[in-house]
Protein backbone atom coordinates (compact mmCIF):
# COMPACT_ATOMS: atom_id res chain seq x y z
CA MET A 1 11.42 19.96 17.81
CA SER A 2 10.43 23.73 19.12
CA ASP A 3 8.28 25.68 17.45
CA MET A 4 9.15 27.52 13.78
CA HIS A 5 8.55 30.74 13.53
CA VAL A 6 8.66 31.91 9.96
CA ASP A 7 6.93 35.05 8.41
CA VAL A 8 5.09 33.53 5.56
CA ALA A 9 4.07 29.63 5.59
CA ILE A 10 2.68 28.08 2.40
CA ILE A 11 0.40 24.11 2.33
CA GLY A 12 1.36 22.64 -0.63
CA ALA A 13 3.82 22.53 -3.50
CA GLY A 14 2.13 22.70 -6.61
CA PRO A 15 1.87 25.20 -8.74
CA ALA A 16 -0.21 27.85 -6.57
CA GLY A 17 2.23 26.98 -3.83
CA VAL A 18 5.64 27.42 -5.19
CA ALA A 19 4.63 30.44 -7.14
CA ALA A 20 3.71 31.87 -3.71
CA GLY A 21 6.70 31.35 -2.83
CA ILE A 22 8.89 32.93 -5.14
CA GLY A 23 5.65 35.79 -4.62
CA ALA A 24 6.87 36.20 -0.80
CA ARG A 25 10.71 36.09 -1.23
CA GLU A 26 10.20 38.75 -3.87
CA ALA A 27 8.01 40.73 -1.77
CA GLY A 28 10.74 41.12 1.30
CA ALA A 29 9.32 38.08 3.50
CA GLU A 30 12.85 36.78 5.31
CA ASN A 31 11.56 33.69 6.27
CA VAL A 32 9.31 31.68 3.69
CA LEU A 33 8.92 28.35 4.69
CA VAL A 34 6.78 25.71 1.91
CA LEU A 35 4.95 22.20 3.88
CA GLU A 36 4.41 19.57 0.96
CA ARG A 37 2.73 15.59 1.85
CA ASP A 38 4.11 14.42 -0.58
CA TRP A 39 8.10 13.04 -1.13
CA ASP A 40 8.85 15.40 -3.76
CA LEU A 41 7.39 19.11 -5.07
CA GLY A 42 5.27 19.84 -8.26
CA GLY A 43 2.11 17.99 -6.88
CA ILE A 44 -0.50 16.62 -9.97
CA LEU A 45 1.32 18.03 -11.73
CA GLN A 46 4.28 15.18 -11.54
CA GLN A 47 1.85 13.16 -12.99
CA CYS A 48 0.90 15.18 -16.01
CA ILE A 49 3.67 14.15 -19.14
CA HIS A 50 1.37 15.49 -21.42
CA PRO A 51 2.01 19.44 -23.23
CA GLY A 52 0.00 22.52 -23.06
CA PHE A 53 1.19 24.14 -19.84
CA GLY A 54 3.25 26.94 -20.39
CA LEU A 55 1.80 28.55 -23.27
CA HIS A 56 0.52 32.15 -20.99
CA THR A 57 3.76 32.19 -18.67
CA PHE A 58 6.54 30.74 -20.46
CA LYS A 59 5.35 31.19 -24.04
CA GLU A 60 5.85 27.97 -24.75
CA GLU A 61 4.22 24.00 -24.88
CA LEU A 62 5.60 22.23 -21.75
CA THR A 63 5.10 18.68 -19.70
CA GLY A 64 3.71 18.84 -16.81
CA PRO A 65 6.78 18.19 -14.79
CA GLU A 66 9.02 21.10 -17.16
CA TYR A 67 6.78 23.84 -16.11
CA MET A 68 7.11 22.56 -12.53
CA HIS A 69 11.27 22.02 -12.82
CA ARG A 70 11.13 26.15 -14.00
CA TRP A 71 8.99 27.29 -11.16
CA ILE A 72 10.86 25.24 -8.72
CA LYS A 73 14.00 26.14 -9.98
CA ARG A 74 13.55 29.88 -9.50
CA ALA A 75 11.62 29.47 -6.17
CA HIS A 76 15.31 28.20 -4.48
CA GLU A 77 16.94 30.70 -6.32
CA ALA A 78 14.87 32.83 -4.64
CA GLY A 79 15.60 31.10 -1.24
CA VAL A 80 12.17 29.65 -0.65
CA GLN A 81 12.58 26.89 2.38
CA PHE A 82 11.06 23.57 1.53
CA LEU A 83 10.06 20.73 3.56
CA VAL A 84 8.82 17.52 1.75
CA ASN A 85 7.15 14.88 3.43
CA SER A 86 5.45 16.96 6.12
CA MET A 87 1.62 16.68 6.08
CA VAL A 88 -0.13 19.85 8.17
CA PHE A 89 -2.83 18.13 9.61
CA LYS A 90 -4.29 20.77 11.90
CA MET A 91 -4.77 24.89 11.90
CA GLU A 92 -5.69 26.30 14.58
CA PRO A 93 -7.48 29.60 14.74
CA ASP A 94 -4.17 31.95 15.88
CA GLY A 95 -2.86 30.71 11.99
CA SER A 96 0.10 28.40 14.19
CA LEU A 97 -0.22 25.03 11.98
CA TRP A 98 0.32 21.48 13.42
CA VAL A 99 2.62 19.28 11.08
CA MET A 100 3.68 15.82 10.94
CA ASN A 101 7.38 14.45 9.36
CA PRO A 102 8.85 11.05 9.61
CA GLU A 103 12.07 12.79 10.95
CA LYS A 104 11.10 15.95 12.50
CA GLY A 105 8.06 14.31 14.61
CA ILE A 106 5.43 15.98 15.29
CA PHE A 107 5.78 20.14 15.97
CA ARG A 108 3.79 23.43 15.70
CA VAL A 109 4.71 26.40 12.29
CA VAL A 110 3.88 29.53 13.73
CA PRO A 111 3.73 31.82 10.59
CA LYS A 112 2.41 35.77 10.47
CA ALA A 113 0.61 34.89 7.56
CA THR A 114 -0.13 31.64 6.00
CA VAL A 115 -1.10 30.95 1.99
CA LEU A 116 -4.05 27.82 1.52
CA ALA A 117 -2.68 26.14 -1.46
CA MET A 118 -3.92 22.85 -0.80
CA GLY A 119 -5.11 22.41 -4.37
CA CYS A 120 -8.45 19.90 -5.13
CA ARG A 121 -9.20 16.04 -5.16
CA GLU A 122 -11.38 13.81 -6.90
CA ARG A 123 -15.30 13.42 -7.07
CA PRO A 124 -15.29 9.35 -6.10
CA LEU A 125 -17.87 6.76 -7.31
CA GLY A 126 -20.12 6.99 -4.38
CA ALA A 127 -20.20 10.74 -4.61
CA ILE A 128 -22.57 10.56 -7.34
CA ASN A 129 -25.10 7.35 -5.99
CA VAL A 130 -24.14 4.88 -9.24
CA PRO A 131 -25.78 1.96 -7.95
CA GLY A 132 -24.13 -1.56 -8.04
CA SER A 133 -20.99 -3.00 -6.64
CA ARG A 134 -18.23 -1.58 -5.87
CA PRO A 135 -15.16 -4.34 -8.42
CA ALA A 136 -11.81 -3.65 -8.60
CA GLY A 137 -11.42 -1.26 -11.67
CA ILE A 138 -13.27 1.59 -11.00
CA TYR A 139 -10.52 4.37 -10.52
CA THR A 140 -10.62 8.54 -10.51
CA ALA A 141 -8.83 9.53 -13.54
CA GLY A 142 -6.23 10.66 -11.20
CA THR A 143 -5.22 7.40 -9.88
CA ALA A 144 -5.14 6.12 -12.98
CA GLN A 145 -2.82 8.89 -14.34
CA ARG A 146 -0.91 8.52 -11.66
CA TYR A 147 -0.61 4.07 -11.84
CA VAL A 148 0.24 5.20 -15.80
CA ASN A 149 2.93 7.40 -15.43
CA MET A 150 4.49 7.73 -12.49
CA GLU A 151 3.99 3.65 -11.01
CA GLY A 152 4.12 1.85 -14.81
CA TYR A 153 0.59 0.33 -14.17
CA MET A 154 -1.68 -0.56 -16.21
CA PRO A 155 -5.06 -0.19 -14.72
CA GLY A 156 -7.22 -2.18 -17.03
CA HIS A 157 -7.64 -3.26 -21.42
CA LYS A 158 -11.29 -2.35 -22.09
CA ALA A 159 -11.95 0.94 -20.62
CA VAL A 160 -15.34 3.61 -20.10
CA ILE A 161 -14.90 6.87 -19.07
CA LEU A 162 -17.30 8.66 -16.95
CA GLY A 163 -17.74 12.60 -17.33
CA SER A 164 -15.96 14.60 -19.50
CA GLY A 165 -13.04 16.07 -17.24
CA ASP A 166 -10.26 16.83 -18.65
CA ILE A 167 -7.92 14.86 -16.60
CA GLY A 168 -10.57 12.26 -18.12
CA LEU A 169 -10.08 13.15 -21.51
CA ILE A 170 -6.45 13.12 -21.46
CA MET A 171 -6.25 9.30 -19.77
CA ALA A 172 -8.78 8.86 -22.55
CA ARG A 173 -6.00 9.37 -25.30
CA ARG A 174 -3.31 8.05 -22.67
CA MET A 175 -5.24 4.43 -22.66
CA ILE A 176 -5.51 3.98 -26.10
CA TRP A 177 -1.43 4.89 -26.02
CA GLU A 178 -0.33 1.93 -23.89
CA GLY A 179 -2.57 -0.98 -26.37
CA ALA A 180 -6.32 -0.22 -24.59
CA SER A 181 -9.43 -0.06 -25.54
CA VAL A 182 -11.78 2.86 -24.92
CA GLU A 183 -15.49 2.07 -25.59
CA GLY A 184 -16.73 5.60 -24.79
CA VAL A 185 -16.78 8.91 -22.99
CA TYR A 186 -20.39 9.61 -21.14
CA GLU A 187 -21.20 12.32 -20.25
CA ILE A 188 -24.64 13.47 -18.61
CA MET A 189 -24.44 17.11 -19.36
CA PRO A 190 -25.42 18.16 -22.69
CA TRP A 191 -22.02 20.11 -23.45
CA ALA A 192 -18.09 18.67 -22.53
CA GLY A 193 -16.77 19.33 -19.06
CA GLY A 194 -13.22 19.85 -20.14
CA LEU A 195 -11.53 22.14 -22.17
CA ARG A 196 -12.45 21.95 -26.56
CA ARG A 197 -8.89 21.32 -27.75
CA ASN A 198 -8.84 18.25 -25.28
CA ILE A 199 -11.84 16.55 -26.94
CA ALA A 200 -10.27 17.27 -30.39
CA GLN A 201 -6.78 16.17 -29.39
CA CYS A 202 -7.62 12.86 -27.09
CA LEU A 203 -10.89 11.80 -28.75
CA ASP A 204 -11.76 12.94 -31.78
CA ASP A 205 -7.72 12.47 -33.37
CA TYR A 206 -8.69 8.78 -31.70
CA GLY A 207 -11.87 7.99 -32.76
CA ILE A 208 -13.49 7.97 -28.95
CA PRO A 209 -16.81 7.54 -28.97
CA PHE A 210 -18.22 10.82 -26.76
CA TYR A 211 -21.87 10.47 -25.68
CA LEU A 212 -24.05 13.88 -23.71
CA GLU A 213 -26.42 13.45 -21.61
CA HIS A 214 -26.12 9.76 -21.49
CA SER A 215 -24.82 8.09 -17.35
CA VAL A 216 -24.25 5.30 -15.95
CA VAL A 217 -27.04 3.79 -13.76
CA LYS A 218 -25.60 0.56 -13.16
CA VAL A 219 -22.06 -0.96 -12.22
CA HIS A 220 -21.53 -5.10 -13.24
CA GLY A 221 -19.08 -7.52 -11.74
CA HIS A 222 -18.01 -9.26 -8.27
CA ASP A 223 -14.33 -9.32 -8.02
CA ARG A 224 -13.35 -7.48 -11.18
CA LEU A 225 -15.83 -4.51 -13.00
CA GLU A 226 -16.99 -6.75 -16.37
CA GLY A 227 -19.13 -3.85 -17.22
CA ILE A 228 -21.71 -1.47 -16.84
CA THR A 229 -24.99 -0.01 -17.75
CA VAL A 230 -25.39 3.22 -19.56
CA VAL A 231 -28.82 5.32 -20.59
CA LYS A 232 -29.67 8.40 -22.02
CA VAL A 233 -30.79 11.11 -20.02
CA ASP A 234 -33.36 13.53 -20.38
CA GLU A 235 -32.94 17.83 -20.24
CA ASN A 236 -33.60 16.70 -16.11
CA ARG A 237 -31.19 14.43 -15.78
CA ARG A 238 -33.25 11.61 -15.84
CA PRO A 239 -32.86 7.97 -17.15
CA ILE A 240 -35.32 7.98 -20.32
CA PRO A 241 -36.77 4.74 -20.43
CA GLY A 242 -35.78 1.71 -22.83
CA THR A 243 -32.44 3.54 -23.59
CA ASP A 244 -29.88 1.10 -21.21
CA ARG A 245 -27.92 -0.85 -22.61
CA PHE A 246 -25.02 -2.57 -21.36
CA VAL A 247 -21.05 -1.56 -22.18
CA ALA A 248 -18.41 -4.38 -21.58
CA CYS A 249 -15.46 -3.42 -19.88
CA ASP A 250 -12.89 -4.10 -17.12
CA THR A 251 -11.74 -0.73 -16.22
CA MET A 252 -14.15 1.81 -15.62
CA LEU A 253 -12.40 5.73 -15.18
CA LEU A 254 -14.27 8.83 -13.38
CA ALA A 255 -14.16 12.58 -14.33
CA VAL A 256 -16.54 13.72 -12.83
CA GLY A 257 -15.60 16.78 -10.86
CA LEU A 258 -13.23 18.33 -8.55
CA ILE A 259 -13.28 19.66 -4.88
CA PRO A 260 -11.51 22.02 -3.57
CA GLU A 261 -9.22 20.89 -0.63
CA ASN A 262 -10.30 23.05 2.48
CA GLU A 263 -10.69 21.35 5.31
CA LEU A 264 -7.59 22.81 7.15
CA SER A 265 -9.17 25.96 6.01
CA ARG A 266 -12.40 25.46 8.16
CA MET A 267 -10.21 24.27 10.99
CA ALA A 268 -8.95 28.17 10.80
CA GLY A 269 -12.45 29.34 10.77
CA VAL A 270 -11.95 31.04 7.40
CA GLU A 271 -15.31 31.14 5.20
CA ILE A 272 -16.65 28.69 2.82
CA HIS A 273 -18.35 30.03 -0.48
CA PRO A 274 -21.68 27.88 -0.43
CA VAL A 275 -21.24 27.20 -4.49
CA THR A 276 -17.27 27.05 -5.62
CA GLY A 277 -16.85 24.94 -2.47
CA GLY A 278 -13.26 27.81 -1.89
CA PRO A 279 -12.85 30.25 0.66
CA VAL A 280 -14.26 33.52 0.47
CA LEU A 281 -11.74 36.57 -0.94
CA ASN A 282 -11.15 39.68 -1.83
CA GLU A 283 -9.43 41.34 -4.46
CA PHE A 284 -5.88 40.68 -2.29
CA TYR A 285 -6.39 36.84 -2.33
CA GLN A 286 -6.94 37.56 1.73
CA THR A 287 -9.61 35.00 3.30
CA THR A 288 -12.10 35.93 5.99
CA ARG A 289 -9.04 35.65 8.35
CA PRO A 290 -7.27 38.61 7.55
CA SER A 291 -3.65 36.67 7.88
CA VAL A 292 -4.79 33.94 5.79
CA PHE A 293 -4.55 34.05 2.01
CA ALA A 294 -5.49 31.31 -0.92
CA ALA A 295 -5.02 30.91 -4.37
CA GLY A 296 -5.28 28.32 -6.76
CA ASN A 297 -7.79 25.00 -7.42
CA VAL A 298 -7.83 25.94 -3.79
CA VAL A 299 -10.18 28.59 -4.22
CA ILE A 300 -11.92 27.93 -7.48
CA VAL A 301 -11.57 24.78 -10.01
CA TYR A 302 -9.12 26.50 -12.89
CA ASP A 303 -8.92 25.12 -16.68
CA LEU A 304 -5.05 26.14 -17.00
CA ALA A 305 -2.20 26.29 -14.14
CA ASP A 306 -1.02 29.18 -15.78
CA TRP A 307 -3.88 30.88 -13.97
CA VAL A 308 -3.29 28.27 -11.11
CA SER A 309 0.52 29.93 -10.59
CA GLN A 310 -0.11 33.52 -11.58
CA GLU A 311 -2.27 33.80 -8.64
CA GLY A 312 0.14 31.76 -6.43
CA PHE A 313 2.59 34.47 -6.81
CA ALA A 314 -0.10 37.17 -6.30
CA ALA A 315 -0.73 35.37 -2.90
CA GLY A 316 2.30 35.09 -1.73
CA ARG A 317 3.84 38.33 -2.09
CA ASN A 318 0.24 39.72 -0.54
CA ALA A 319 1.02 37.62 2.11
CA ALA A 320 4.54 38.83 2.64
CA LEU A 321 3.05 42.26 2.86
CA TYR A 322 0.73 41.59 5.40
CA SER A 323 3.56 40.16 7.56
CA ALA A 324 5.42 42.76 7.16
CA GLY A 325 2.15 45.22 8.10
CA THR A 326 1.89 47.14 4.64
CA LEU A 327 -0.26 45.35 2.97
CA ARG A 328 -2.68 48.09 2.10
CA SER A 329 -6.14 47.49 1.77
CA SER A 330 -9.61 49.16 2.77
CA GLU A 331 -12.43 48.63 5.14
CA ARG A 332 -14.98 48.81 2.46
CA ARG A 333 -16.07 45.63 1.50
CA ILE A 334 -18.08 45.10 -2.42
CA ALA A 335 -20.03 41.61 -2.99
CA ILE A 336 -19.05 40.12 -6.41
CA LYS A 337 -22.32 38.84 -7.68
CA GLY A 338 -23.13 36.14 -10.58
CA GLY A 339 -25.65 37.68 -12.62
CA LYS A 340 -26.83 36.15 -16.20
CA ASN A 341 -24.85 33.12 -16.60
CA VAL A 342 -22.27 32.98 -13.81
CA ARG A 343 -22.18 30.74 -11.69
CA LEU A 344 -18.77 30.10 -10.00
CA PHE A 345 -16.91 33.22 -9.41
CA SER A 346 -13.55 34.67 -7.44
CA PRO A 347 -12.89 36.75 -5.60
CA GLN A 348 -16.52 37.01 -3.90
CA PHE A 349 -15.78 40.18 -1.97
CA ILE A 350 -13.75 43.47 -2.92
CA THR A 351 -11.70 46.54 -1.01
CA GLY A 352 -12.03 49.07 -4.21
CA CYS A 353 -8.58 50.62 -3.65
CA CYS A 354 -7.04 49.54 -6.28
CA ASP A 355 -7.67 46.94 -9.37
CA ALA A 356 -9.10 43.34 -9.21
CA THR A 357 -9.61 40.89 -11.75
CA VAL A 358 -12.15 37.95 -11.04
CA TYR A 359 -12.16 34.95 -12.67
CA PHE A 360 -15.65 33.72 -13.81
CA ARG A 361 -16.98 30.54 -15.42
CA VAL A 362 -20.08 30.12 -16.91
CA THR A 363 -23.78 28.11 -16.47
CA HIS A 364 -23.93 26.47 -20.40
CA PRO A 365 -22.40 27.67 -23.07
CA ILE A 366 -23.03 30.33 -25.56
CA GLU A 367 -21.70 29.13 -28.96
CA LYS A 368 -22.88 32.41 -30.75
CA ARG A 369 -21.00 35.71 -29.87
CA CYS A 370 -22.01 36.97 -26.21
CA ARG A 371 -21.38 40.10 -24.44
CA VAL A 372 -19.18 39.84 -20.39
CA PHE A 373 -19.90 43.08 -18.90
CA ALA A 374 -20.09 44.29 -15.13
CA GLU A 375 -22.76 46.93 -14.03
CA HIS A 376 -22.11 50.15 -13.47
CA GLY A 377 -19.58 50.49 -16.59
CA LEU A 378 -17.60 48.80 -15.07
CA PHE A 379 -16.56 46.58 -17.51
CA GLU A 380 -17.51 44.96 -21.03
CA GLN A 381 -16.48 42.74 -23.06
CA LYS A 382 -17.17 40.80 -26.62
CA HIS A 383 -16.42 36.87 -26.66
CA ARG A 384 -16.91 34.57 -29.84
CA TYR A 385 -17.73 32.00 -26.85
CA VAL A 386 -18.09 31.41 -23.68
CA ARG A 387 -18.22 28.03 -22.29
CA PRO A 388 -18.48 26.39 -18.28
CA GLY A 389 -15.37 24.29 -19.89
CA GLU A 390 -13.11 27.13 -19.58
CA MET A 391 -12.17 30.22 -17.18
CA ASN A 392 -13.11 33.98 -18.42
CA GLU A 393 -11.71 36.48 -16.47
CA VAL A 394 -13.24 40.63 -16.20
CA HIS A 395 -10.82 43.10 -15.15
CA LEU A 396 -12.12 45.71 -13.12
CA LYS A 397 -9.76 49.34 -12.81
CA GLY A 398 -9.51 50.72 -9.37
CA ALA A 399 -9.86 54.79 -10.68
CA ALA A 400 -13.28 53.63 -11.64
CA LEU A 401 -13.67 51.37 -8.23
CA GLN A 402 -12.40 54.16 -6.29
CA ALA A 403 -14.75 56.45 -8.11
CA LEU A 404 -18.18 54.38 -7.53
CA PRO A 405 -21.15 56.32 -4.77
CA GLU A 406 -20.27 54.67 -1.17
CA SER A 407 -24.44 53.74 -1.55
CA VAL A 408 -22.70 50.87 -3.61
CA ALA A 409 -23.12 47.30 -1.83
CA GLU A 410 -22.26 45.00 -4.97
CA ILE A 411 -21.11 45.11 -8.63
CA THR A 412 -23.20 42.48 -10.45
CA ILE A 413 -21.00 40.49 -13.39
CA ASP A 414 -23.02 39.33 -16.51
CA ALA A 415 -22.91 37.01 -19.51
CA GLU A 416 -25.19 37.11 -22.23
CA GLU A 417 -26.12 36.22 -26.06
CA VAL A 418 -25.13 39.24 -28.22
């Protein structure tokens, strides 16, 4: 097959990728191609059959498939081209993409601009070094979710959840609905990793025990999981002697964190941020390679699909403008820095030529009134609380940024108790 030349190529057809396709078309790009390795569109939201999506975008509560159906319908109406069963296995430094498809074989896509929207992956058991064998019955929460919601298989009947990420919390409730028992959710940190509403709706409403400052220190079983040893940990996350106990179970679901999927980004020579694990971006969602843009969970893991779609749309629009040679930018580079209680944030630098929104997560929760602010008087807002499981926003006005002296090379964002 001969090379495919397009204005904008988008890798991934989840909420970021589909929205990026719409943004690119609405910004004037003629040929917009979305490449998806799965056999269907929608990404991870295909298996998220629980409600809670679309409250910000559509002002109503939808399931994951319903939410994606609306975006996909809009994308088809906008003229976005999709190619499923198509795995992008290499991204050249010149921006061209090598793609593998069972019908078309191996071919190359040559875009004027690319949007990375590959999403994220789950951290497996091997990444957290739990001693013991590796029997059947240990799954990441997302894998179990796909088995139950899409394949019709139950992973087990007596489960524990390690970690308190949102998928794990939702799967605790789902296992109860399908007739299994959930012996407990164990979180090593002194606070929950997921949204507070999921703690209430998925654990509290079903009487599922939730143990903070606890971790699994051993897995028991040979062919099939038979149980785990859990232990309470101290402030340094080290096991406290004498607190270990055995919990019988045949299934353990892992909800111990998500990692942005960036192997292709590295192939293209895109700079990766050492803390977020995603590409370094400016306010246009433009990476350190000017023709490559990125959006959604491939950049930083979000708590709401609405933010992912919003970013994808903006990244697609800017990619289209770049492909047409009309993206308005600046050579100036002002670094964004995390100050008090701010660790994960995006973008990492801005040009200062227009409005910019910085998304960030705090390092630890502040449950009393707190102040989020950017230095140089650029932003200040009071919050009732901030929590690591919830994304926060800082809005920087273009006029204020343009008024900054040329000597200003960075802007620090802080979150502190009032």
